[in-house]
Every structure is written in C-alpha cells, then in structure tokens.
Amino acid sequence: MRARDVDTVILAGVSGHNCIAQTGADAFSHNFRVIYATEAIGTENLQSAEAMLTILAKEYRQKRLDITSIVELLAKL
C-alpha cells in the first residue's frame, strides 16, 4: 500500500467489535488514516461494536462516515 502512496483505508465488513476494530487499530499503528463505513459494518454484538468504534473514533481520531459521505470523498480524488 505504501508503494502505491495509499494513506487511508475504508473499513467495512462483519464483526465490528472484533475484526473491524482490530484492523482499524492495526492500520492506525501503521500510520494509516481510517474511515469506518458505518452502514457497511455488521456485528453480532451491537453494543460492543458501537462502544469499540466510538473509542477508536475518539482516541485514534478515526472517522465514521455514511456511504454518501464516502462516495463524495472518493469523488474528490
């Protein structure tokens, strides 16, 4: 990703409190910006996922955006 000058990752998938959160924390530790696609994250534990993503957004300064905002952001590239 660095060889292609990537500095931001957009995360979506399942297990928001586990897989998505860990990937976001790992990306942060490697100095990538992270955006969570809020409408595209599934979970089997809504309370834990919401708590974890709130912590990551606040403490790691990672964004939580809806799909429309992500599309608008990508259109500017």
C-alpha atoms as a PDB file:
ATOM      1  CA  MET A   1       0.000   0.000   0.000  1.00  0.00           C
ATOM      2  CA  ARG A   2       2.842   2.384   0.768  1.00  0.00           C
ATOM      3  CA  ALA A   3       4.367   1.714  -2.662  1.00  0.00           C
ATOM      4  CA  ARG A   4       1.094   2.975  -4.167  1.00  0.00           C
ATOM      5  CA  ASP A   5       1.004   6.053  -1.886  1.00  0.00           C
ATOM      6  CA  VAL A   6      -2.069   4.834  -0.015  1.00  0.00           C
ATOM      7  CA  ASP A   7      -2.560   6.741   3.234  1.00  0.00           C
ATOM      8  CA  THR A   8      -6.213   5.989   4.025  1.00  0.00           C
ATOM      9  CA  VAL A   9      -8.231   2.795   4.360  1.00  0.00           C
ATOM     10  CA  ILE A  10     -12.013   2.482   4.379  1.00  0.00           C
ATOM     11  CA  LEU A  11     -13.200  -0.402   6.501  1.00  0.00           C
ATOM     12  CA  ALA A  12     -16.392  -2.398   6.064  1.00  0.00           C
ATOM     13  CA  GLY A  13     -17.348  -5.954   6.885  1.00  0.00           C
ATOM     14  CA  VAL A  14     -18.639  -8.067   9.740  1.00  0.00           C
ATOM     15  CA  SER A  15     -17.804  -8.347  13.413  1.00  0.00           C
ATOM     16  CA  GLY A  16     -17.482  -4.617  14.061  1.00  0.00           C
ATOM     17  CA  HIS A  17     -16.357  -5.066  17.659  1.00  0.00           C
ATOM     18  CA  ASN A  18     -13.705  -7.591  16.727  1.00  0.00           C
ATOM     19  CA  CYS A  19     -12.303  -7.868  13.184  1.00  0.00           C
ATOM     20  CA  ILE A  20     -13.139  -4.349  12.008  1.00  0.00           C
ATOM     21  CA  ALA A  21     -11.947  -2.761  15.261  1.00  0.00           C
ATOM     22  CA  GLN A  22      -8.681  -4.715  15.277  1.00  0.00           C
ATOM     23  CA  THR A  23      -7.992  -3.854  11.640  1.00  0.00           C
ATOM     24  CA  GLY A  24      -8.626  -0.174  12.424  1.00  0.00           C
ATOM     25  CA  ALA A  25      -6.278  -0.259  15.418  1.00  0.00           C
ATOM     26  CA  ASP A  26      -3.598  -2.014  13.359  1.00  0.00           C
ATOM     27  CA  ALA A  27      -3.958   0.482  10.499  1.00  0.00           C
ATOM     28  CA  PHE A  28      -3.595   3.326  12.999  1.00  0.00           C
ATOM     29  CA  SER A  29      -0.423   1.791  14.416  1.00  0.00           C
ATOM     30  CA  HIS A  30       0.979   1.761  10.865  1.00  0.00           C
ATOM     31  CA  ASN A  31       0.099   5.440  10.348  1.00  0.00           C
ATOM     32  CA  PHE A  32      -2.843   4.935   8.014  1.00  0.00           C
ATOM     33  CA  ARG A  33      -5.922   7.111   8.267  1.00  0.00           C
ATOM     34  CA  VAL A  34      -9.028   5.035   8.875  1.00  0.00           C
ATOM     35  CA  ILE A  35     -12.619   5.607   7.830  1.00  0.00           C
ATOM     36  CA  TYR A  36     -15.341   3.281   9.092  1.00  0.00           C
ATOM     37  CA  ALA A  37     -18.198   2.822   6.607  1.00  0.00           C
ATOM     38  CA  THR A  38     -20.931   2.892   9.247  1.00  0.00           C
ATOM     39  CA  GLU A  39     -23.684   1.474   7.037  1.00  0.00           C
ATOM     40  CA  ALA A  40     -21.462  -1.352   5.823  1.00  0.00           C
ATOM     41  CA  ILE A  41     -20.367  -2.823   9.152  1.00  0.00           C
ATOM     42  CA  GLY A  42     -22.254  -5.769  10.566  1.00  0.00           C
ATOM     43  CA  THR A  43     -21.961  -7.249  14.009  1.00  0.00           C
ATOM     44  CA  GLU A  44     -23.374  -9.948  16.213  1.00  0.00           C
ATOM     45  CA  ASN A  45     -22.964  -7.661  19.246  1.00  0.00           C
ATOM     46  CA  LEU A  46     -24.312  -4.171  18.541  1.00  0.00           C
ATOM     47  CA  GLN A  47     -23.459  -2.697  21.968  1.00  0.00           C
ATOM     48  CA  SER A  48     -19.843  -3.846  21.869  1.00  0.00           C
ATOM     49  CA  ALA A  49     -19.383  -2.756  18.262  1.00  0.00           C
ATOM     50  CA  GLU A  50     -20.784   0.703  18.947  1.00  0.00           C
ATOM     51  CA  ALA A  51     -18.625   1.119  22.058  1.00  0.00           C
ATOM     52  CA  MET A  52     -15.465  -0.050  20.292  1.00  0.00           C
ATOM     53  CA  LEU A  53     -15.982   2.133  17.216  1.00  0.00           C
ATOM     54  CA  THR A  54     -16.741   5.140  19.425  1.00  0.00           C
ATOM     55  CA  ILE A  55     -13.486   4.623  21.312  1.00  0.00           C
ATOM     56  CA  LEU A  56     -11.480   4.231  18.105  1.00  0.00           C
ATOM     57  CA  ALA A  57     -13.069   7.298  16.527  1.00  0.00           C
ATOM     58  CA  LYS A  58     -12.348   9.412  19.583  1.00  0.00           C
ATOM     59  CA  GLU A  59      -8.989   8.120  20.816  1.00  0.00           C
ATOM     60  CA  TYR A  60      -7.417   7.347  17.429  1.00  0.00           C
ATOM     61  CA  ARG A  61      -9.135  10.233  15.615  1.00  0.00           C
ATOM     62  CA  GLN A  62     -10.659   7.847  13.077  1.00  0.00           C
ATOM     63  CA  LYS A  63     -13.692   8.896  11.060  1.00  0.00           C
ATOM     64  CA  ARG A  64     -17.091   7.233  10.930  1.00  0.00           C
ATOM     65  CA  LEU A  65     -18.859   8.134   7.693  1.00  0.00           C
ATOM     66  CA  ASP A  66     -22.011   7.061   5.935  1.00  0.00           C
ATOM     67  CA  ILE A  67     -21.899   5.717   2.394  1.00  0.00           C
ATOM     68  CA  THR A  68     -22.973   9.018   0.794  1.00  0.00           C
ATOM     69  CA  SER A  69     -20.125  10.878   2.516  1.00  0.00           C
ATOM     70  CA  ILE A  70     -17.614   8.208   1.471  1.00  0.00           C
ATOM     71  CA  VAL A  71     -18.754   8.380  -2.156  1.00  0.00           C
ATOM     72  CA  GLU A  72     -18.417  12.178  -2.067  1.00  0.00           C
ATOM     73  CA  LEU A  73     -14.934  11.882  -0.567  1.00  0.00           C
ATOM     74  CA  LEU A  74     -13.837   9.365  -3.189  1.00  0.00           C
ATOM     75  CA  ALA A  75     -15.236  11.521  -5.994  1.00  0.00           C
ATOM     76  CA  LYS A  76     -12.821  14.279  -4.983  1.00  0.00           C
ATOM     77  CA  LEU A  77      -9.779  12.062  -5.607  1.00  0.00           C
END
